Each structure stands twice: as C-alpha cells, then as structure tokens.
Amino acid sequence: MTLSASVYASLPAIAAAALAVVMVRKALRDGRRSGHQWVWPAMLACCFAGWTVHALVAGGVTGFWAEHQRGAWGNQIWFDLLIAIGIGWTLILPRARAVHMRPWPWLIVIVCTGCIGLSAMLARLLWLEDRRLAADPTFRTNH
C-alpha cells in the first residue's frame, strides 16, 4: 500500500499536534495518579509498530539508515532520537527496578525497535505500578 505524498506531508504536523495536546493535558493535571495509565503507551506502541511495518514494506529494513545519512538534518534527527531514548531509559529504569522489571530484555527490545520498545516498557511499568498500588496503597511511584 502506497500512501500519497500529501498524506506523508500531513502526518508530521498531525503527530506534533497530538503530542502538544497530550503534553498540555499532562501539564494541567494535578499530579494525582489515575488508573489504567498503561493503556495509552500500550496503544501508542501498537500503533507505531503498525506504522513501522508499513515503513518496512515501503522502504525496506534499512530504509531508515539512508534517511539519517542524507544530510545534516537527517543526522540531527538521528541524534535527537538517540538522546530521547537515552533520556527515557534513564528516567524509566529506577522505577522499573522498583517493580522488579528485568532491564536487559527491555534494553534489547529498545535497541532493536527504538520508541516502540520504550513505549511498551512504559506501558508494562505503569501496569505493574498500578498492580502494586492496588496491593499496597503506600507504594510511591515517584511521579
């Protein structure tokens, strides 16, 4: 399935607008934990995995690498992705250890899939924290 150029041109703006809405909503919340927060990162991981399958079919397994080598902006985007994943890993890891998640399998998944794996790890972390909070209301999630 090949999408039109206008769809490809529109998707970055749509994704940026969706991210802005999510970030503003999170900033406006009072910080109280609501149940089932794991659902959103799980859905994100699934949707992004589906889009990645499309990208693999359209551009091949190594198609992303050519994009990152194309020029200064391609390099900058690659660096930005690596930094974002590093920051996410650094922030998630202590909380993951607190609920007894094993980091090495997740590290392999993240290295192989990037933000798909990071979103899946976040979903699992939030699910485990929800379970732990249900069993022990004094458990602190540090967020």
Protein backbone atom coordinates (compact mmCIF):
# COMPACT_ATOMS: atom_id res chain seq x y z
CA MET A 1 0.00 0.00 0.00
CA THR A 2 1.46 3.31 -1.10
CA LEU A 3 0.23 6.47 0.52
CA SER A 4 0.03 9.76 -1.32
CA ALA A 5 2.69 12.42 -0.84
CA SER A 6 0.08 14.68 0.78
CA VAL A 7 -0.57 12.07 3.48
CA TYR A 8 3.14 11.76 4.21
CA ALA A 9 3.40 15.56 4.30
CA SER A 10 0.44 15.89 6.69
CA LEU A 11 1.32 13.19 9.21
CA PRO A 12 4.21 15.02 10.94
CA ALA A 13 2.00 18.03 11.69
CA ILE A 14 -0.83 15.80 12.90
CA ALA A 15 1.58 13.88 15.17
CA ALA A 16 3.06 17.13 16.52
CA ALA A 17 -0.43 18.49 17.28
CA ALA A 18 -1.41 15.26 19.05
CA LEU A 19 1.78 15.39 21.12
CA ALA A 20 1.12 19.02 22.04
CA VAL A 21 -2.40 18.16 23.23
CA VAL A 22 -1.12 15.25 25.34
CA MET A 23 1.70 17.33 26.85
CA VAL A 24 -0.59 20.26 27.73
CA ARG A 25 -3.18 17.91 29.27
CA LYS A 26 -0.46 16.25 31.37
CA ALA A 27 0.87 19.64 32.47
CA LEU A 28 -2.61 20.78 33.54
CA ARG A 29 -3.32 17.67 35.64
CA ASP A 30 -2.98 17.95 39.39
CA GLY A 31 -0.48 15.09 39.60
CA ARG A 32 -2.83 12.51 41.09
CA ARG A 33 -2.48 9.06 39.67
CA SER A 34 -5.46 7.69 37.78
CA GLY A 35 -5.84 4.01 37.00
CA HIS A 36 -5.11 2.40 33.67
CA GLN A 37 -2.44 4.88 32.57
CA TRP A 38 -0.65 1.97 30.93
CA VAL A 39 -3.28 1.77 28.18
CA TRP A 40 -2.10 4.88 26.28
CA PRO A 41 1.58 3.90 25.93
CA ALA A 42 0.46 0.35 25.05
CA MET A 43 -1.79 1.69 22.29
CA LEU A 44 1.00 4.01 21.12
CA ALA A 45 3.44 1.09 20.91
CA CYS A 46 0.93 -0.96 18.90
CA CYS A 47 0.03 1.86 16.50
CA PHE A 48 3.66 2.83 15.99
CA ALA A 49 4.58 -0.82 15.41
CA GLY A 50 1.88 -0.96 12.74
CA TRP A 51 3.23 2.18 11.09
CA THR A 52 6.73 0.69 11.25
CA VAL A 53 5.51 -2.39 9.37
CA HIS A 54 4.24 -0.02 6.67
CA ALA A 55 7.62 1.77 6.61
CA LEU A 56 9.45 -1.57 6.37
CA VAL A 57 7.30 -2.65 3.44
CA ALA A 58 7.62 0.74 1.72
CA GLY A 59 11.31 1.43 2.39
CA GLY A 60 12.94 -1.85 3.31
CA VAL A 61 14.61 -2.99 6.51
CA THR A 62 17.46 -0.49 6.29
CA GLY A 63 15.46 2.37 4.77
CA PHE A 64 15.73 4.44 7.95
CA TRP A 65 19.52 4.44 7.79
CA ALA A 66 19.67 6.14 4.39
CA GLU A 67 17.36 8.87 5.73
CA HIS A 68 19.68 9.52 8.68
CA GLN A 69 22.73 9.73 6.41
CA ARG A 70 21.14 12.06 3.87
CA GLY A 71 22.50 15.28 5.38
CA ALA A 72 22.75 17.49 8.44
CA TRP A 73 19.04 17.28 9.22
CA GLY A 74 18.99 13.52 8.88
CA ASN A 75 21.94 13.33 11.29
CA GLN A 76 20.25 15.75 13.67
CA ILE A 77 17.05 13.69 13.71
CA TRP A 78 19.06 10.52 14.43
CA PHE A 79 20.92 12.24 17.29
CA ASP A 80 17.63 13.58 18.66
CA LEU A 81 16.08 10.09 18.64
CA LEU A 82 19.10 8.61 20.41
CA ILE A 83 19.08 11.36 23.05
CA ALA A 84 15.32 10.97 23.61
CA ILE A 85 15.63 7.22 24.02
CA GLY A 86 18.58 7.67 26.38
CA ILE A 87 16.62 10.16 28.50
CA GLY A 88 13.57 7.89 28.55
CA TRP A 89 15.67 4.87 29.55
CA THR A 90 17.39 6.86 32.31
CA LEU A 91 14.08 8.08 33.75
CA ILE A 92 12.23 4.77 33.49
CA LEU A 93 14.96 2.44 34.76
CA PRO A 94 14.80 3.26 38.52
CA ARG A 95 11.02 2.89 38.55
CA ALA A 96 11.25 -0.33 36.53
CA ARG A 97 13.69 -1.79 39.02
CA ALA A 98 11.37 -0.77 41.88
CA VAL A 99 8.68 -3.08 40.46
CA HIS A 100 11.21 -5.83 39.65
CA MET A 101 11.32 -5.47 35.87
CA ARG A 102 14.42 -7.03 34.34
CA PRO A 103 16.24 -4.29 32.40
CA TRP A 104 18.31 -6.39 29.96
CA PRO A 105 15.44 -7.83 27.89
CA TRP A 106 13.91 -4.36 27.66
CA LEU A 107 17.23 -2.83 26.65
CA ILE A 108 17.48 -5.31 23.77
CA VAL A 109 13.90 -4.55 22.68
CA ILE A 110 14.57 -0.79 22.82
CA VAL A 111 17.85 -1.04 20.89
CA CYS A 112 16.07 -3.06 18.19
CA THR A 113 12.84 -1.06 17.99
CA GLY A 114 13.51 2.39 19.48
CA CYS A 115 10.46 4.19 20.79
CA ILE A 116 8.21 1.20 20.13
CA GLY A 117 10.11 -0.73 22.78
CA LEU A 118 10.34 2.28 25.07
CA SER A 119 6.56 2.81 24.86
CA ALA A 120 5.94 -0.88 25.51
CA MET A 121 8.30 -0.76 28.50
CA LEU A 122 6.48 2.30 29.86
CA ALA A 123 3.13 0.51 29.45
CA ARG A 124 4.43 -2.52 31.33
CA LEU A 125 5.92 -0.30 34.05
CA LEU A 126 2.67 1.60 34.55
CA TRP A 127 0.69 -1.66 34.62
CA LEU A 128 3.00 -3.11 37.28
CA GLU A 129 2.82 0.12 39.29
CA ASP A 130 -0.99 0.03 39.12
CA ARG A 131 -0.96 -3.54 40.43
CA ARG A 132 1.48 -2.64 43.18
CA LEU A 133 -0.57 0.43 44.20
CA ALA A 134 -3.71 -1.72 44.36
CA ALA A 135 -1.94 -4.18 46.66
CA ASP A 136 -0.05 -1.58 48.70
CA PRO A 137 -1.52 1.96 48.73
CA THR A 138 1.62 3.26 50.49
CA PHE A 139 3.80 2.39 47.46
CA ARG A 140 5.33 5.54 45.97
CA THR A 141 5.84 5.76 42.20
CA ASN A 142 7.99 8.91 42.38
CA HIS A 143 5.95 10.87 39.88
